[in-house]
Amino acid sequence: MSVSALYVHESVKDLPRVHHILSKLTVSHQIITDVRQAYADIMKAPDPIVKGKSALILTRNKGTFLRPCPGTRGYTCCGYRVLRVGTYCTMDCSYCILQAYFHPPILQFFVNQEDLMAELKSLFATRLIQRIGTGEFTDSLIWDRWTDLSRVLVPTFSEQSSCILELKTKTADVSALQGLRHNRKTLVAWSLNTPRVIETEERGSADLSARLTAAVRCQEEGYPLAFHFDPMVIYEGCEAEYAAVVDRLFASVNPENIVWISLGAFRFQPELKAIIRRRHPHSKLIYGEFIRGMDGKMRYFKPLRIRLYREIACRIRQKAPEVTLYFCMEDDEVWEKALGRIPPRGGGVKRMLDEAAIKKCGLKEG
């Protein structure tokens, strides 16, 4: 999706980085003193959520760039850290929580990267093992068409040895990553789903073949890889279709180059249901067997999740018995019944993933 409306906050209009981004865009820009000016324009559209996907604000991040992953109350967290480079996404997945999270939703890119670099420098100085990702509030790779984000971040991470940068995406354009010095300190990760789910629920994203082809290109460039089966959708025949995705994955990439794979079933805040029903009337997502979880989110009935997890985990183990496999936001019962083990208390999942990064990416502490 191309940018159809462009706003530059007055406080950053003279920054060289802003002028560089503007040179890559053909649409004229408007100087604003308050982001609410852009919000007002977006809200005039018949569907503000769609309009916001082609409206871009270049602005300053007034808070910290590095934040702990918010996690989910009552479920096992992995100790991830989020690098907040921007917000929102150009794709239009029916289940996306960002539809309800930002009011109104609009693309924002934070151009005060000197502050971002200062935070990273301070973090690197601690020499502590850290896993950091840019994909919590956006897709990690959508910004490369307008900015030099990856060309800045990847070489920066290559110069230290205690932190790994994970770039999560549903896209297939990895040209900005080619030829960069990465020293295996950047991990490129794809969200994977069945072709049926991608076609019906992940509007504007790359298809499965394109994602796997992009992963192969990154592997050829020497990047370590990761994959996230999340959100997994339960429907008649889903087990066989997810198993087929696993087969296609390992027919494409070398399991020795995969740092970790996560599994996570579709879950959603109750307020998202009305948005999905209104914006994606043909979606069947919200009509599954859901109950309210400990965190207030609607989740598939636990036995259904466990059955799907167990089958797909078994398939992954058959193809790659040594790969690090974990759940995104599940409790001990699910871990035990689906994977046969419970992570140790006090950060067991974090240690497991840190060890995978040490082994596959050469991280070292101190």
Protein backbone atom coordinates (compact mmCIF):
# COMPACT_ATOMS: atom_id res chain seq x y z
CA MET A 1 0.00 0.00 0.00
CA SER A 2 1.35 3.44 -0.93
CA VAL A 3 1.19 6.57 1.20
CA SER A 4 -1.75 8.78 0.25
CA ALA A 5 -1.53 11.29 3.11
CA LEU A 6 1.70 12.48 4.71
CA TYR A 7 2.14 14.56 7.85
CA VAL A 8 5.33 15.90 9.41
CA HIS A 9 5.33 17.13 12.98
CA GLU A 10 6.67 20.65 13.24
CA SER A 11 9.26 19.59 15.84
CA VAL A 12 11.08 17.30 13.37
CA LYS A 13 10.61 19.07 10.04
CA ASP A 14 14.24 20.16 9.80
CA LEU A 15 15.84 16.82 10.61
CA PRO A 16 17.97 15.38 7.76
CA ARG A 17 16.32 12.00 8.26
CA VAL A 18 12.91 13.54 7.54
CA HIS A 19 14.15 15.11 4.31
CA HIS A 20 15.59 11.75 3.27
CA ILE A 21 12.24 10.02 3.81
CA LEU A 22 10.35 12.78 2.01
CA SER A 23 12.62 12.33 -1.00
CA LYS A 24 11.39 8.76 -1.34
CA LEU A 25 7.70 9.70 -1.31
CA THR A 26 5.81 11.38 -4.14
CA VAL A 27 2.87 12.67 -2.08
CA SER A 28 2.99 16.22 -0.73
CA HIS A 29 3.20 16.63 3.02
CA GLN A 30 1.49 18.78 5.60
CA ILE A 31 3.24 20.29 8.61
CA ILE A 32 1.28 19.72 11.81
CA THR A 33 1.77 20.89 15.40
CA ASP A 34 -0.45 18.21 16.94
CA VAL A 35 -0.99 14.63 15.76
CA ARG A 36 -4.68 15.13 16.42
CA GLN A 37 -4.76 17.21 13.22
CA ALA A 38 -3.93 14.06 11.26
CA TYR A 39 -6.38 12.04 13.34
CA ALA A 40 -9.18 14.42 12.40
CA ASP A 41 -8.51 13.85 8.70
CA ILE A 42 -8.47 10.07 9.16
CA MET A 43 -11.75 10.03 11.04
CA LYS A 44 -13.54 11.62 8.07
CA ALA A 45 -12.98 8.50 5.99
CA PRO A 46 -15.73 5.84 5.66
CA ASP A 47 -13.33 3.31 7.18
CA PRO A 48 -10.70 5.11 9.29
CA ILE A 49 -8.84 1.85 9.90
CA VAL A 50 -8.17 1.42 6.17
CA LYS A 51 -7.44 5.11 5.66
CA GLY A 52 -4.88 5.03 8.45
CA LYS A 53 -2.93 2.32 6.64
CA SER A 54 -1.97 4.78 3.89
CA ALA A 55 -1.55 7.85 6.11
CA LEU A 56 1.91 8.42 7.58
CA ILE A 57 3.06 10.74 10.34
CA LEU A 58 6.75 11.47 10.77
CA THR A 59 7.13 12.43 14.38
CA ARG A 60 9.18 12.12 17.55
CA ASN A 61 8.96 9.32 20.08
CA LYS A 62 8.66 11.25 23.33
CA GLY A 63 8.98 8.13 25.49
CA THR A 64 11.50 5.34 25.65
CA PHE A 65 12.19 3.21 22.60
CA LEU A 66 13.02 0.06 24.56
CA ARG A 67 10.26 -1.44 26.66
CA PRO A 68 9.56 -4.84 28.19
CA CYS A 69 7.02 -6.92 26.28
CA PRO A 70 3.64 -6.31 27.96
CA GLY A 71 3.06 -10.05 28.29
CA THR A 72 -0.25 -11.47 29.46
CA ARG A 73 -1.33 -11.84 33.06
CA GLY A 74 -1.50 -15.47 34.21
CA TYR A 75 0.49 -16.90 31.30
CA THR A 76 4.17 -17.74 30.86
CA CYS A 77 6.16 -14.85 29.35
CA CYS A 78 9.51 -15.10 27.56
CA GLY A 79 11.15 -11.87 28.74
CA TYR A 80 11.21 -10.23 25.31
CA ARG A 81 12.02 -6.54 24.89
CA VAL A 82 10.23 -4.33 22.37
CA LEU A 83 12.02 -1.69 20.29
CA ARG A 84 9.26 0.78 19.41
CA VAL A 85 10.34 2.22 16.05
CA GLY A 86 6.84 3.04 14.81
CA THR A 87 3.22 2.03 15.06
CA TYR A 88 0.51 0.39 12.99
CA CYS A 89 0.73 -1.62 9.77
CA THR A 90 -0.05 -1.42 6.04
CA MET A 91 -1.59 -4.90 5.98
CA ASP A 92 -5.18 -5.58 7.05
CA CYS A 93 -5.40 -8.85 8.95
CA SER A 94 -8.92 -9.43 10.23
CA TYR A 95 -7.72 -10.46 13.68
CA CYS A 96 -5.21 -7.63 14.21
CA ILE A 97 -5.42 -6.16 17.71
CA LEU A 98 -4.02 -2.86 16.38
CA GLN A 99 -7.49 -2.14 14.99
CA ALA A 100 -8.67 -1.69 18.55
CA TYR A 101 -5.39 -0.64 20.17
CA PHE A 102 -4.79 2.70 18.42
CA HIS A 103 -7.49 5.38 18.36
CA PRO A 104 -7.58 6.20 15.56
CA PRO A 105 -5.07 3.87 13.94
CA ILE A 106 -2.49 5.60 11.76
CA LEU A 107 1.05 4.90 10.62
CA GLN A 108 3.63 6.70 12.73
CA PHE A 109 7.37 6.52 12.20
CA PHE A 110 9.67 7.90 14.89
CA VAL A 111 12.49 9.86 13.29
CA ASN A 112 14.51 10.76 16.40
CA GLN A 113 16.78 7.80 15.83
CA GLU A 114 19.68 9.45 17.66
CA ASP A 115 17.70 8.86 20.85
CA LEU A 116 17.01 5.28 19.79
CA MET A 117 20.72 4.68 19.20
CA ALA A 118 21.61 6.17 22.57
CA GLU A 119 19.24 3.72 24.29
CA LEU A 120 20.73 0.80 22.37
CA LYS A 121 24.25 1.92 23.26
CA SER A 122 23.33 1.95 26.95
CA LEU A 123 21.75 -1.49 26.67
CA PHE A 124 24.75 -2.96 24.84
CA ALA A 125 27.03 -1.59 27.56
CA THR A 126 25.36 -3.83 30.14
CA ARG A 127 26.58 -6.90 28.17
CA LEU A 128 23.48 -8.80 29.27
CA ILE A 129 21.80 -11.30 26.96
CA GLN A 130 18.71 -9.63 25.50
CA ARG A 131 16.22 -10.57 22.78
CA ILE A 132 14.77 -7.46 21.14
CA GLY A 133 12.09 -7.12 18.49
CA THR A 134 10.48 -4.33 16.48
CA GLY A 135 7.31 -6.24 15.57
CA GLU A 136 5.05 -5.74 18.61
CA PHE A 137 3.16 -2.65 17.39
CA THR A 138 3.93 -2.90 13.68
CA ASP A 139 5.45 -5.19 11.05
CA SER A 140 9.24 -4.99 11.19
CA LEU A 141 9.91 -4.71 7.45
CA ILE A 142 7.18 -2.41 6.12
CA TRP A 143 9.27 0.69 6.88
CA ASP A 144 12.19 -0.20 4.62
CA ARG A 145 10.45 1.08 1.49
CA TRP A 146 10.51 4.64 2.90
CA THR A 147 13.29 4.63 5.48
CA ASP A 148 16.72 3.14 6.03
CA LEU A 149 15.63 1.48 9.26
CA SER A 150 17.03 -2.00 8.63
CA ARG A 151 20.18 -0.54 7.09
CA VAL A 152 20.72 1.32 10.37
CA LEU A 153 19.66 -1.33 12.89
CA VAL A 154 21.23 -4.45 11.40
CA PRO A 155 24.84 -3.15 11.23
CA THR A 156 24.40 -1.57 14.67
CA PHE A 157 23.50 -4.92 16.24
CA SER A 158 26.33 -6.62 14.35
CA GLU A 159 28.88 -4.59 16.31
CA GLN A 160 28.00 -6.11 19.71
CA SER A 161 27.67 -9.65 21.02
CA SER A 162 25.05 -9.77 23.81
CA CYS A 163 21.80 -8.83 22.04
CA ILE A 164 19.79 -10.28 19.16
CA LEU A 165 17.43 -8.23 17.00
CA GLU A 166 14.37 -10.12 15.76
CA LEU A 167 12.60 -8.71 12.72
CA LYS A 168 9.09 -10.21 12.52
CA THR A 169 7.12 -9.92 9.31
CA LYS A 170 4.33 -11.19 7.07
CA THR A 171 5.93 -9.59 4.00
CA ALA A 172 8.32 -11.01 1.42
CA ASP A 173 10.45 -8.02 0.38
CA VAL A 174 13.80 -8.58 2.07
CA SER A 175 15.88 -6.60 -0.43
CA ALA A 176 16.83 -4.04 2.25
CA LEU A 177 18.50 -6.83 4.25
CA GLN A 178 20.71 -8.02 1.44
CA GLY A 179 24.38 -7.18 1.58
CA LEU A 180 24.28 -5.89 5.16
CA ARG A 181 26.88 -6.74 7.78
CA HIS A 182 24.85 -8.67 10.37
CA ASN A 183 27.27 -11.06 12.14
CA ARG A 184 24.21 -13.26 12.85
CA LYS A 185 22.99 -10.75 15.44
CA THR A 186 19.81 -10.09 13.45
CA LEU A 187 17.26 -12.86 13.26
CA VAL A 188 14.59 -12.65 10.53
CA ALA A 189 11.26 -14.18 11.53
CA TRP A 190 8.05 -14.93 9.71
CA SER A 191 4.55 -15.42 10.96
CA LEU A 192 3.24 -18.56 9.25
CA ASN A 193 -0.29 -19.75 8.71
CA THR A 194 -2.21 -22.07 6.43
CA PRO A 195 -2.91 -20.83 2.89
CA ARG A 196 -6.61 -20.77 3.78
CA VAL A 197 -6.07 -18.42 6.72
CA ILE A 198 -3.63 -16.22 4.81
CA GLU A 199 -6.07 -15.85 1.91
CA THR A 200 -9.18 -15.18 4.00
CA GLU A 201 -7.84 -13.39 7.09
CA GLU A 202 -4.48 -11.76 6.25
CA ARG A 203 -5.39 -9.23 3.59
CA GLY A 204 -2.42 -7.53 1.96
CA SER A 205 0.18 -9.93 3.35
CA ALA A 206 2.54 -12.13 1.32
CA ASP A 207 1.32 -15.64 0.55
CA LEU A 208 2.98 -18.65 2.14
CA SER A 209 5.20 -19.44 -0.85
CA ALA A 210 6.49 -15.88 -0.98
CA ARG A 211 7.27 -15.86 2.75
CA LEU A 212 9.21 -19.11 2.52
CA THR A 213 11.08 -17.89 -0.57
CA ALA A 214 12.05 -14.74 1.33
CA ALA A 215 13.25 -16.89 4.23
CA VAL A 216 15.46 -18.86 1.85
CA ARG A 217 16.94 -15.60 0.52
CA CYS A 218 17.76 -14.49 4.06
CA GLN A 219 19.25 -17.87 4.85
CA GLU A 220 21.48 -17.51 1.79
CA GLU A 221 22.61 -14.16 3.21
CA GLY A 222 23.62 -15.94 6.41
CA TYR A 223 20.82 -14.66 8.64
CA PRO A 224 19.47 -16.95 11.36
CA LEU A 225 15.72 -17.53 11.10
CA ALA A 226 12.66 -17.95 13.31
CA PHE A 227 9.02 -18.79 12.64
CA HIS A 228 5.83 -18.08 14.53
CA PHE A 229 2.71 -20.18 14.01
CA ASP A 230 0.56 -17.46 15.51
CA PRO A 231 -2.34 -16.99 15.49
CA MET A 232 -3.29 -20.60 14.80
CA VAL A 233 -6.94 -20.87 13.82
CA ILE A 234 -9.03 -23.92 14.67
CA TYR A 235 -11.37 -25.14 11.94
CA GLU A 236 -12.34 -28.45 10.37
CA GLY A 237 -9.24 -29.97 8.81
CA CYS A 238 -6.86 -27.43 10.33
CA GLU A 239 -4.53 -30.06 11.80
CA ALA A 240 -3.72 -31.50 8.36
CA GLU A 241 -3.32 -28.04 6.85
CA TYR A 242 -0.94 -26.83 9.57
CA ALA A 243 1.02 -30.07 9.25
CA ALA A 244 1.36 -29.36 5.52
CA VAL A 245 2.75 -25.90 6.34
CA VAL A 246 5.33 -27.53 8.62
CA ASP A 247 6.33 -29.85 5.77
CA ARG A 248 6.69 -26.93 3.36
CA LEU A 249 8.74 -25.00 5.91
CA PHE A 250 11.32 -27.74 6.36
CA ALA A 251 11.39 -28.50 2.65
CA SER A 252 12.52 -24.88 2.18
CA VAL A 253 14.91 -23.99 5.00
CA ASN A 254 17.63 -25.78 6.92
CA PRO A 255 16.39 -26.64 10.43
CA GLU A 256 19.92 -26.05 11.73
CA ASN A 257 19.48 -22.36 10.91
CA ILE A 258 16.20 -21.96 12.82
CA VAL A 259 16.73 -20.39 16.24
CA TRP A 260 13.20 -20.94 17.55
CA ILE A 261 9.61 -21.64 16.56
CA SER A 262 6.62 -20.44 18.57
CA LEU A 263 3.03 -21.66 18.66
CA GLY A 264 0.07 -19.53 19.68
CA ALA A 265 -3.66 -19.94 19.10
CA PHE A 266 -5.94 -17.08 18.08
CA ARG A 267 -7.04 -15.01 21.09
CA PHE A 268 -8.60 -11.60 21.22
CA GLN A 269 -9.89 -8.84 23.44
CA PRO A 270 -13.71 -8.96 23.56
CA GLU A 271 -13.99 -5.48 22.03
CA LEU A 272 -12.29 -6.75 18.87
CA LYS A 273 -15.26 -9.00 18.06
CA ALA A 274 -17.50 -6.13 16.93
CA ILE A 275 -14.70 -4.66 14.81
CA ILE A 276 -14.09 -7.98 13.03
CA ARG A 277 -17.81 -8.46 12.48
CA ARG A 278 -18.16 -4.96 11.00
CA ARG A 279 -14.97 -4.75 8.94
CA HIS A 280 -14.62 -8.40 7.91
CA PRO A 281 -18.19 -9.70 7.65
CA HIS A 282 -17.09 -12.83 5.78
CA SER A 283 -14.63 -13.88 8.48
CA LYS A 284 -15.55 -16.96 10.53
CA LEU A 285 -12.86 -16.35 13.14
CA ILE A 286 -15.05 -15.12 15.96
CA TYR A 287 -17.50 -18.03 15.76
CA GLY A 288 -15.21 -20.68 17.23
CA GLU A 289 -15.49 -22.30 20.66
CA PHE A 290 -14.14 -19.55 22.90
CA ILE A 291 -14.08 -18.93 26.62
CA ARG A 292 -12.70 -15.96 28.55
CA GLY A 293 -9.15 -16.62 29.75
CA MET A 294 -7.40 -15.50 32.92
CA ASP A 295 -6.26 -12.35 31.14
CA GLY A 296 -9.74 -11.41 29.96
CA LYS A 297 -9.05 -12.41 26.36
CA MET A 298 -11.28 -14.81 24.48
CA ARG A 299 -9.43 -18.07 23.86
CA TYR A 300 -10.25 -21.38 22.23
CA PHE A 301 -11.47 -23.99 24.69
CA LYS A 302 -8.24 -25.36 26.20
CA PRO A 303 -8.62 -29.03 25.11
CA LEU A 304 -8.98 -27.83 21.51
CA ARG A 305 -5.78 -25.77 21.76
CA ILE A 306 -3.87 -28.62 23.34
CA ARG A 307 -4.93 -31.09 20.67
CA LEU A 308 -3.80 -28.82 17.83
CA TYR A 309 -0.58 -27.83 19.58
CA ARG A 310 0.32 -31.45 20.32
CA GLU A 311 -0.14 -32.55 16.72
CA ILE A 312 1.81 -29.69 15.20
CA ALA A 313 4.58 -29.84 17.82
CA CYS A 314 4.94 -33.54 17.07
CA ARG A 315 5.21 -32.79 13.34
CA ILE A 316 7.87 -30.15 13.99
CA ARG A 317 9.80 -32.56 16.22
CA GLN A 318 9.77 -35.16 13.46
CA LYS A 319 11.36 -32.70 11.06
CA ALA A 320 13.64 -30.85 13.47
CA PRO A 321 14.03 -32.67 16.80
CA GLU A 322 16.56 -30.16 18.15
CA VAL A 323 14.73 -26.91 17.34
CA THR A 324 13.70 -24.73 20.27
CA LEU A 325 9.91 -24.79 20.45
CA TYR A 326 7.84 -22.63 22.78
CA PHE A 327 4.38 -21.21 23.38
CA CYS A 328 3.43 -17.59 23.23
CA MET A 329 1.26 -16.91 26.28
CA GLU A 330 0.07 -20.29 27.49
CA ASP A 331 -0.06 -21.73 31.02
CA ASP A 332 1.75 -24.70 32.59
CA GLU A 333 -1.05 -27.15 31.83
CA VAL A 334 -0.81 -26.46 28.12
CA TRP A 335 2.98 -26.75 28.17
CA GLU A 336 2.86 -30.08 29.98
CA LYS A 337 0.07 -31.67 27.92
CA ALA A 338 1.27 -30.42 24.54
CA LEU A 339 5.06 -30.44 24.92
CA GLY A 340 5.53 -32.78 27.86
CA ARG A 341 7.34 -30.28 30.06
CA ILE A 342 6.76 -27.20 32.19
CA PRO A 343 9.24 -24.30 32.01
CA PRO A 344 11.12 -23.76 35.28
CA ARG A 345 9.77 -20.99 37.48
CA GLY A 346 11.50 -17.63 37.51
CA GLY A 347 12.21 -17.08 33.82
CA GLY A 348 12.60 -20.60 32.48
CA VAL A 349 11.31 -19.69 29.01
CA LYS A 350 13.63 -16.70 28.85
CA ARG A 351 16.63 -18.88 29.71
CA MET A 352 15.59 -21.44 27.10
CA LEU A 353 15.38 -18.82 24.34
CA ASP A 354 18.54 -17.05 25.48
CA GLU A 355 20.40 -20.36 25.25
CA ALA A 356 19.06 -20.90 21.72
CA ALA A 357 20.36 -17.46 20.72
CA ILE A 358 23.72 -18.19 22.32
CA LYS A 359 23.99 -21.45 20.39
CA LYS A 360 22.68 -20.30 17.01
CA CYS A 361 23.68 -16.62 16.93
CA GLY A 362 26.87 -16.57 18.96
CA LEU A 363 25.58 -14.37 21.75
CA LYS A 364 27.74 -14.10 24.84
CA GLU A 365 27.30 -12.33 28.13
CA GLY A 366 29.81 -10.07 29.84
